Amino acid sequence: MASSVKSFAISGIDAYVVNIESDTIYGQPSVTIVGLGDAAIKEARQRLEAAINHENYDFPKMKVVINLAPGDIKKSG
């Protein structure tokens, strides 16, 4: 992966580490989020694109893949 950052998620009284990894690859420009995300996570694609465009950054003309690990834990929000 091209870049990685650690985050945390809370489920009930438990907290766990979520590694957020991203990479750009050649292909049709798009954003793909993988790693057991719910509908709110899938909708984050549009928020991400809007935020990047709003700050006058050029969105990559490549396919962006975002991985939320570990893949066996459901992510929400």
PDB file of N, CA and C in Angstrom:
ATOM      1  N   MET A   1       0.832  -1.183   0.000  1.00  0.00           N
ATOM      2  CA  MET A   1       0.000   0.000   0.000  1.00  0.00           C
ATOM      3  C   MET A   1       0.879   1.248   0.000  1.00  0.00           C
ATOM      4  N   ALA A   2       0.397   2.281  -0.639  1.00  0.00           N
ATOM      5  CA  ALA A   2       1.170   3.512  -0.773  1.00  0.00           C
ATOM      6  C   ALA A   2       1.242   4.299   0.524  1.00  0.00           C
ATOM      7  N   SER A   3       0.161   4.314   1.298  1.00  0.00           N
ATOM      8  CA  SER A   3       0.178   5.023   2.572  1.00  0.00           C
ATOM      9  C   SER A   3      -0.705   4.292   3.564  1.00  0.00           C
ATOM     10  N   SER A   4      -0.401   4.520   4.838  1.00  0.00           N
ATOM     11  CA  SER A   4      -1.123   3.820   5.894  1.00  0.00           C
ATOM     12  C   SER A   4      -1.192   4.709   7.122  1.00  0.00           C
ATOM     13  N   VAL A   5      -2.313   4.641   7.831  1.00  0.00           N
ATOM     14  CA  VAL A   5      -2.492   5.384   9.074  1.00  0.00           C
ATOM     15  C   VAL A   5      -3.299   4.508  10.021  1.00  0.00           C
ATOM     16  N   LYS A   6      -3.059   4.642  11.302  1.00  0.00           N
ATOM     17  CA  LYS A   6      -3.813   3.876  12.292  1.00  0.00           C
ATOM     18  C   LYS A   6      -4.939   4.737  12.838  1.00  0.00           C
ATOM     19  N   SER A   7      -6.072   4.101  13.077  1.00  0.00           N
ATOM     20  CA  SER A   7      -7.212   4.746  13.691  1.00  0.00           C
ATOM     21  C   SER A   7      -7.781   3.766  14.705  1.00  0.00           C
ATOM     22  N   PHE A   8      -8.831   4.159  15.375  1.00  0.00           N
ATOM     23  CA  PHE A   8      -9.452   3.288  16.364  1.00  0.00           C
ATOM     24  C   PHE A   8     -10.953   3.307  16.175  1.00  0.00           C
ATOM     25  N   ALA A   9     -11.589   2.218  16.541  1.00  0.00           N
ATOM     26  CA  ALA A   9     -13.042   2.106  16.481  1.00  0.00           C
ATOM     27  C   ALA A   9     -13.533   1.565  17.812  1.00  0.00           C
ATOM     28  N   ILE A  10     -14.749   1.928  18.158  1.00  0.00           N
ATOM     29  CA  ILE A  10     -15.353   1.469  19.404  1.00  0.00           C
ATOM     30  C   ILE A  10     -16.575   0.643  19.064  1.00  0.00           C
ATOM     31  N   SER A  11     -16.677  -0.497  19.714  1.00  0.00           N
ATOM     32  CA  SER A  11     -17.831  -1.377  19.558  1.00  0.00           C
ATOM     33  C   SER A  11     -18.295  -1.745  20.963  1.00  0.00           C
ATOM     34  N   GLY A  12     -19.380  -1.115  21.404  1.00  0.00           N
ATOM     35  CA  GLY A  12     -19.831  -1.339  22.777  1.00  0.00           C
ATOM     36  C   GLY A  12     -18.814  -0.759  23.738  1.00  0.00           C
ATOM     37  N   ILE A  13     -18.246  -1.617  24.593  1.00  0.00           N
ATOM     38  CA  ILE A  13     -17.207  -1.154  25.518  1.00  0.00           C
ATOM     39  C   ILE A  13     -15.811  -1.520  25.035  1.00  0.00           C
ATOM     40  N   ASP A  14     -15.729  -2.168  23.893  1.00  0.00           N
ATOM     41  CA  ASP A  14     -14.445  -2.595  23.347  1.00  0.00           C
ATOM     42  C   ASP A  14     -13.928  -1.588  22.321  1.00  0.00           C
ATOM     43  N   ALA A  15     -12.628  -1.424  22.291  1.00  0.00           N
ATOM     44  CA  ALA A  15     -11.978  -0.590  21.277  1.00  0.00           C
ATOM     45  C   ALA A  15     -10.978  -1.453  20.524  1.00  0.00           C
ATOM     46  N   TYR A  16     -10.793  -1.164  19.266  1.00  0.00           N
ATOM     47  CA  TYR A  16      -9.834  -1.922  18.479  1.00  0.00           C
ATOM     48  C   TYR A  16      -9.173  -1.017  17.446  1.00  0.00           C
ATOM     49  N   VAL A  17      -7.987  -1.408  17.034  1.00  0.00           N
ATOM     50  CA  VAL A  17      -7.205  -0.652  16.055  1.00  0.00           C
ATOM     51  C   VAL A  17      -7.725  -0.958  14.654  1.00  0.00           C
ATOM     52  N   VAL A  18      -7.861   0.084  13.850  1.00  0.00           N
ATOM     53  CA  VAL A  18      -8.211  -0.065  12.439  1.00  0.00           C
ATOM     54  C   VAL A  18      -7.066   0.546  11.631  1.00  0.00           C
ATOM     55  N   ASN A  19      -6.442  -0.248  10.799  1.00  0.00           N
ATOM     56  CA  ASN A  19      -5.405   0.244   9.895  1.00  0.00           C
ATOM     57  C   ASN A  19      -6.075   0.695   8.602  1.00  0.00           C
ATOM     58  N   ILE A  20      -5.864   1.943   8.237  1.00  0.00           N
ATOM     59  CA  ILE A  20      -6.426   2.487   7.005  1.00  0.00           C
ATOM     60  C   ILE A  20      -5.282   2.591   6.007  1.00  0.00           C
ATOM     61  N   GLU A  21      -5.376   1.809   4.950  1.00  0.00           N
ATOM     62  CA  GLU A  21      -4.324   1.759   3.935  1.00  0.00           C
ATOM     63  C   GLU A  21      -4.905   2.231   2.611  1.00  0.00           C
ATOM     64  N   SER A  22      -4.132   2.981   1.858  1.00  0.00           N
ATOM     65  CA  SER A  22      -4.617   3.435   0.554  1.00  0.00           C
ATOM     66  C   SER A  22      -3.542   3.237  -0.501  1.00  0.00           C
ATOM     67  N   ASP A  23      -3.998   3.087  -1.715  1.00  0.00           N
ATOM     68  CA  ASP A  23      -3.088   2.918  -2.840  1.00  0.00           C
ATOM     69  C   ASP A  23      -3.781   3.425  -4.094  1.00  0.00           C
ATOM     70  N   THR A  24      -3.012   3.864  -5.050  1.00  0.00           N
ATOM     71  CA  THR A  24      -3.546   4.232  -6.356  1.00  0.00           C
ATOM     72  C   THR A  24      -2.973   3.263  -7.376  1.00  0.00           C
ATOM     73  N   ILE A  25      -3.843   2.824  -8.271  1.00  0.00           N
ATOM     74  CA  ILE A  25      -3.426   1.896  -9.313  1.00  0.00           C
ATOM     75  C   ILE A  25      -4.006   2.372 -10.641  1.00  0.00           C
ATOM     76  N   TYR A  26      -3.395   1.935 -11.726  1.00  0.00           N
ATOM     77  CA  TYR A  26      -3.907   2.302 -13.037  1.00  0.00           C
ATOM     78  C   TYR A  26      -5.261   1.650 -13.252  1.00  0.00           C
ATOM     79  N   GLY A  27      -6.169   2.409 -13.800  1.00  0.00           N
ATOM     80  CA  GLY A  27      -7.514   1.928 -14.073  1.00  0.00           C
ATOM     81  C   GLY A  27      -8.450   3.112 -14.184  1.00  0.00           C
ATOM     82  N   GLN A  28      -9.710   2.834 -14.398  1.00  0.00           N
ATOM     83  CA  GLN A  28     -10.700   3.892 -14.503  1.00  0.00           C
ATOM     84  C   GLN A  28     -10.760   4.661 -13.188  1.00  0.00           C
ATOM     85  N   PRO A  29     -10.716   6.005 -13.220  1.00  0.00           N
ATOM     86  CA  PRO A  29     -10.739   6.784 -11.983  1.00  0.00           C
ATOM     87  C   PRO A  29     -11.965   6.446 -11.133  1.00  0.00           C
ATOM     88  N   SER A  30     -11.710   6.003  -9.915  1.00  0.00           N
ATOM     89  CA  SER A  30     -12.782   5.649  -8.995  1.00  0.00           C
ATOM     90  C   SER A  30     -12.193   5.491  -7.603  1.00  0.00           C
ATOM     91  N   VAL A  31     -13.079   5.373  -6.619  1.00  0.00           N
ATOM     92  CA  VAL A  31     -12.675   5.105  -5.241  1.00  0.00           C
ATOM     93  C   VAL A  31     -13.362   3.822  -4.812  1.00  0.00           C
ATOM     94  N   THR A  32     -12.593   2.879  -4.289  1.00  0.00           N
ATOM     95  CA  THR A  32     -13.126   1.617  -3.788  1.00  0.00           C
ATOM     96  C   THR A  32     -12.707   1.471  -2.335  1.00  0.00           C
ATOM     97  N   ILE A  33     -13.683   1.213  -1.453  1.00  0.00           N
ATOM     98  CA  ILE A  33     -13.396   0.998  -0.037  1.00  0.00           C
ATOM     99  C   ILE A  33     -13.704  -0.459   0.277  1.00  0.00           C
ATOM    100  N   VAL A  34     -12.708  -1.179   0.803  1.00  0.00           N
ATOM    101  CA  VAL A  34     -12.872  -2.591   1.140  1.00  0.00           C
ATOM    102  C   VAL A  34     -12.578  -2.790   2.619  1.00  0.00           C
ATOM    103  N   GLY A  35     -13.095  -3.881   3.186  1.00  0.00           N
ATOM    104  CA  GLY A  35     -12.797  -4.202   4.577  1.00  0.00           C
ATOM    105  C   GLY A  35     -14.009  -4.221   5.482  1.00  0.00           C
ATOM    106  N   LEU A  36     -15.126  -4.748   5.027  1.00  0.00           N
ATOM    107  CA  LEU A  36     -16.349  -4.909   5.814  1.00  0.00           C
ATOM    108  C   LEU A  36     -16.923  -3.596   6.333  1.00  0.00           C
ATOM    109  N   GLY A  37     -17.004  -2.604   5.475  1.00  0.00           N
ATOM    110  CA  GLY A  37     -17.638  -1.346   5.855  1.00  0.00           C
ATOM    111  C   GLY A  37     -19.132  -1.394   5.592  1.00  0.00           C
ATOM    112  N   ASP A  38     -19.923  -0.707   6.439  1.00  0.00           N
ATOM    113  CA  ASP A  38     -21.371  -0.682   6.238  1.00  0.00           C
ATOM    114  C   ASP A  38     -21.734   0.394   5.210  1.00  0.00           C
ATOM    115  N   ALA A  39     -23.024   0.674   5.065  1.00  0.00           N
ATOM    116  CA  ALA A  39     -23.482   1.621   4.043  1.00  0.00           C
ATOM    117  C   ALA A  39     -22.898   3.012   4.257  1.00  0.00           C
ATOM    118  N   ALA A  40     -22.763   3.457   5.506  1.00  0.00           N
ATOM    119  CA  ALA A  40     -22.202   4.784   5.778  1.00  0.00           C
ATOM    120  C   ALA A  40     -20.755   4.873   5.318  1.00  0.00           C
ATOM    121  N   ILE A  41     -20.009   3.792   5.457  1.00  0.00           N
ATOM    122  CA  ILE A  41     -18.620   3.775   4.995  1.00  0.00           C
ATOM    123  C   ILE A  41     -18.587   3.840   3.469  1.00  0.00           C
ATOM    124  N   LYS A  42     -19.471   3.096   2.823  1.00  0.00           N
ATOM    125  CA  LYS A  42     -19.511   3.110   1.358  1.00  0.00           C
ATOM    126  C   LYS A  42     -19.866   4.505   0.834  1.00  0.00           C
ATOM    127  N   GLU A  43     -20.749   5.227   1.556  1.00  0.00           N
ATOM    128  CA  GLU A  43     -21.135   6.575   1.140  1.00  0.00           C
ATOM    129  C   GLU A  43     -20.013   7.579   1.352  1.00  0.00           C
ATOM    130  N   ALA A  44     -19.004   7.221   2.120  1.00  0.00           N
ATOM    131  CA  ALA A  44     -17.876   8.121   2.367  1.00  0.00           C
ATOM    132  C   ALA A  44     -17.109   8.415   1.087  1.00  0.00           C
ATOM    133  N   ARG A  45     -17.257   7.581   0.073  1.00  0.00           N
ATOM    134  CA  ARG A  45     -16.569   7.831  -1.201  1.00  0.00           C
ATOM    135  C   ARG A  45     -16.927   9.202  -1.750  1.00  0.00           C
ATOM    136  N   GLN A  46     -18.216   9.529  -1.765  1.00  0.00           N
ATOM    137  CA  GLN A  46     -18.649  10.818  -2.292  1.00  0.00           C
ATOM    138  C   GLN A  46     -18.163  11.963  -1.404  1.00  0.00           C
ATOM    139  N   ARG A  47     -18.183  11.769  -0.075  1.00  0.00           N
ATOM    140  CA  ARG A  47     -17.698  12.813   0.830  1.00  0.00           C
ATOM    141  C   ARG A  47     -16.203  13.044   0.632  1.00  0.00           C
ATOM    142  N   LEU A  48     -15.458  11.977   0.410  1.00  0.00           N
ATOM    143  CA  LEU A  48     -14.021  12.076   0.181  1.00  0.00           C
ATOM    144  C   LEU A  48     -13.729  12.857  -1.098  1.00  0.00           C
ATOM    145  N   GLU A  49     -14.400  12.503  -2.174  1.00  0.00           N
ATOM    146  CA  GLU A  49     -14.193  13.202  -3.440  1.00  0.00           C
ATOM    147  C   GLU A  49     -14.575  14.672  -3.326  1.00  0.00           C
ATOM    148  N   ALA A  50     -15.693  14.971  -2.652  1.00  0.00           N
ATOM    149  CA  ALA A  50     -16.129  16.360  -2.489  1.00  0.00           C
ATOM    150  C   ALA A  50     -15.130  17.160  -1.657  1.00  0.00           C
ATOM    151  N   ALA A  51     -14.610  16.568  -0.593  1.00  0.00           N
ATOM    152  CA  ALA A  51     -13.646  17.268   0.265  1.00  0.00           C
ATOM    153  C   ALA A  51     -12.358  17.575  -0.492  1.00  0.00           C
ATOM    154  N   ILE A  52     -11.880  16.627  -1.272  1.00  0.00           N
ATOM    155  CA  ILE A  52     -10.651  16.847  -2.044  1.00  0.00           C
ATOM    156  C   ILE A  52     -10.867  17.948  -3.077  1.00  0.00           C
ATOM    157  N   ASN A  53     -11.990  17.911  -3.775  1.00  0.00           N
ATOM    158  CA  ASN A  53     -12.276  18.942  -4.778  1.00  0.00           C
ATOM    159  C   ASN A  53     -12.490  20.308  -4.137  1.00  0.00           C
ATOM    160  N   HIS A  54     -13.130  20.343  -2.968  1.00  0.00           N
ATOM    161  CA  HIS A  54     -13.409  21.601  -2.274  1.00  0.00           C
ATOM    162  C   HIS A  54     -12.120  22.313  -1.862  1.00  0.00           C
ATOM    163  N   GLU A  55     -11.102  21.557  -1.536  1.00  0.00           N
ATOM    164  CA  GLU A  55      -9.815  22.131  -1.124  1.00  0.00           C
ATOM    165  C   GLU A  55      -8.901  22.417  -2.313  1.00  0.00           C
ATOM    166  N   ASN A  56      -9.462  22.340  -3.515  1.00  0.00           N
ATOM    167  CA  ASN A  56      -8.737  22.642  -4.756  1.00  0.00           C
ATOM    168  C   ASN A  56      -7.558  21.715  -5.021  1.00  0.00           C
ATOM    169  N   TYR A  57      -7.640  20.495  -4.522  1.00  0.00           N
ATOM    170  CA  TYR A  57      -6.656  19.476  -4.876  1.00  0.00           C
ATOM    171  C   TYR A  57      -7.172  18.741  -6.107  1.00  0.00           C
ATOM    172  N   ASP A  58      -6.279  18.260  -6.913  1.00  0.00           N
ATOM    173  CA  ASP A  58      -6.671  17.464  -8.067  1.00  0.00           C
ATOM    174  C   ASP A  58      -6.879  16.027  -7.624  1.00  0.00           C
ATOM    175  N   PHE A  59      -8.055  15.491  -7.916  1.00  0.00           N
ATOM    176  CA  PHE A  59      -8.315  14.097  -7.591  1.00  0.00           C
ATOM    177  C   PHE A  59      -7.515  13.241  -8.559  1.00  0.00           C
ATOM    178  N   PRO A  60      -6.856  12.188  -8.085  1.00  0.00           N
ATOM    179  CA  PRO A  60      -6.019  11.371  -8.972  1.00  0.00           C
ATOM    180  C   PRO A  60      -6.814  10.806 -10.144  1.00  0.00           C
ATOM    181  N   LYS A  61      -6.196  10.776 -11.285  1.00  0.00           N
ATOM    182  CA  LYS A  61      -6.820  10.202 -12.482  1.00  0.00           C
ATOM    183  C   LYS A  61      -6.545   8.708 -12.540  1.00  0.00           C
ATOM    184  N   MET A  62      -6.608   8.065 -11.390  1.00  0.00           N
ATOM    185  CA  MET A  62      -6.334   6.637 -11.253  1.00  0.00           C
ATOM    186  C   MET A  62      -7.392   6.035 -10.332  1.00  0.00           C
ATOM    187  N   LYS A  63      -7.340   4.744 -10.170  1.00  0.00           N
ATOM    188  CA  LYS A  63      -8.228   4.052  -9.246  1.00  0.00           C
ATOM    189  C   LYS A  63      -7.620   4.143  -7.847  1.00  0.00           C
ATOM    190  N   VAL A  64      -8.408   4.589  -6.870  1.00  0.00           N
ATOM    191  CA  VAL A  64      -7.968   4.691  -5.482  1.00  0.00           C
ATOM    192  C   VAL A  64      -8.610   3.544  -4.711  1.00  0.00           C
ATOM    193  N   VAL A  65      -7.791   2.751  -4.036  1.00  0.00           N
ATOM    194  CA  VAL A  65      -8.282   1.636  -3.228  1.00  0.00           C
ATOM    195  C   VAL A  65      -7.960   1.944  -1.772  1.00  0.00           C
ATOM    196  N   ILE A  66      -8.986   1.900  -0.915  1.00  0.00           N
ATOM    197  CA  ILE A  66      -8.826   2.135   0.520  1.00  0.00           C
ATOM    198  C   ILE A  66      -9.206   0.856   1.237  1.00  0.00           C
ATOM    199  N   ASN A  67      -8.282   0.343   2.046  1.00  0.00           N
ATOM    200  CA  ASN A  67      -8.502  -0.895   2.786  1.00  0.00           C
ATOM    201  C   ASN A  67      -8.635  -0.573   4.266  1.00  0.00           C
ATOM    202  N   LEU A  68      -9.718  -1.062   4.890  1.00  0.00           N
ATOM    203  CA  LEU A  68      -9.925  -0.920   6.326  1.00  0.00           C
ATOM    204  C   LEU A  68      -9.659  -2.274   6.961  1.00  0.00           C
ATOM    205  N   ALA A  69      -8.534  -2.396   7.667  1.00  0.00           N
ATOM    206  CA  ALA A  69      -8.140  -3.679   8.249  1.00  0.00           C
ATOM    207  C   ALA A  69      -8.227  -3.594   9.773  1.00  0.00           C
ATOM    208  N   PRO A  70      -8.600  -4.626  10.458  1.00  0.00           N
ATOM    209  CA  PRO A  70      -8.765  -5.998   9.996  1.00  0.00           C
ATOM    210  C   PRO A  70     -10.082  -6.182   9.245  1.00  0.00           C
ATOM    211  N   GLY A  71     -10.065  -7.075   8.296  1.00  0.00           N
ATOM    212  CA  GLY A  71     -11.213  -7.297   7.430  1.00  0.00           C
ATOM    213  C   GLY A  71     -12.330  -8.101   8.053  1.00  0.00           C
ATOM    214  N   ASP A  72     -12.095  -8.713   9.210  1.00  0.00           N
ATOM    215  CA  ASP A  72     -13.124  -9.567   9.804  1.00  0.00           C
ATOM    216  C   ASP A  72     -13.999  -8.834  10.814  1.00  0.00           C
ATOM    217  N   ILE A  73     -13.758  -7.542  11.043  1.00  0.00           N
ATOM    218  CA  ILE A  73     -14.557  -6.762  11.987  1.00  0.00           C
ATOM    219  C   ILE A  73     -15.373  -5.748  11.203  1.00  0.00           C
ATOM    220  N   LYS A  74     -16.692  -5.727  11.437  1.00  0.00           N
ATOM    221  CA  LYS A  74     -17.589  -4.807  10.748  1.00  0.00           C
ATOM    222  C   LYS A  74     -17.312  -3.380  11.207  1.00  0.00           C
ATOM    223  N   LYS A  75     -17.157  -2.455  10.232  1.00  0.00           N
ATOM    224  CA  LYS A  75     -16.944  -1.052  10.542  1.00  0.00           C
ATOM    225  C   LYS A  75     -18.209  -0.280  10.214  1.00  0.00           C
ATOM    226  N   SER A  76     -18.537   0.706  11.042  1.00  0.00           N
ATOM    227  CA  SER A  76     -19.719   1.522  10.780  1.00  0.00           C
ATOM    228  C   SER A  76     -19.382   2.980  11.018  1.00  0.00           C
ATOM    229  N   GLY A  77     -20.200   3.854  10.433  1.00  0.00           N
ATOM    230  CA  GLY A  77     -20.029   5.285  10.662  1.00  0.00           C
ATOM    231  C   GLY A  77     -19.187   5.896   9.654  1.00  0.00           C
TER     232      GLY A  77
END
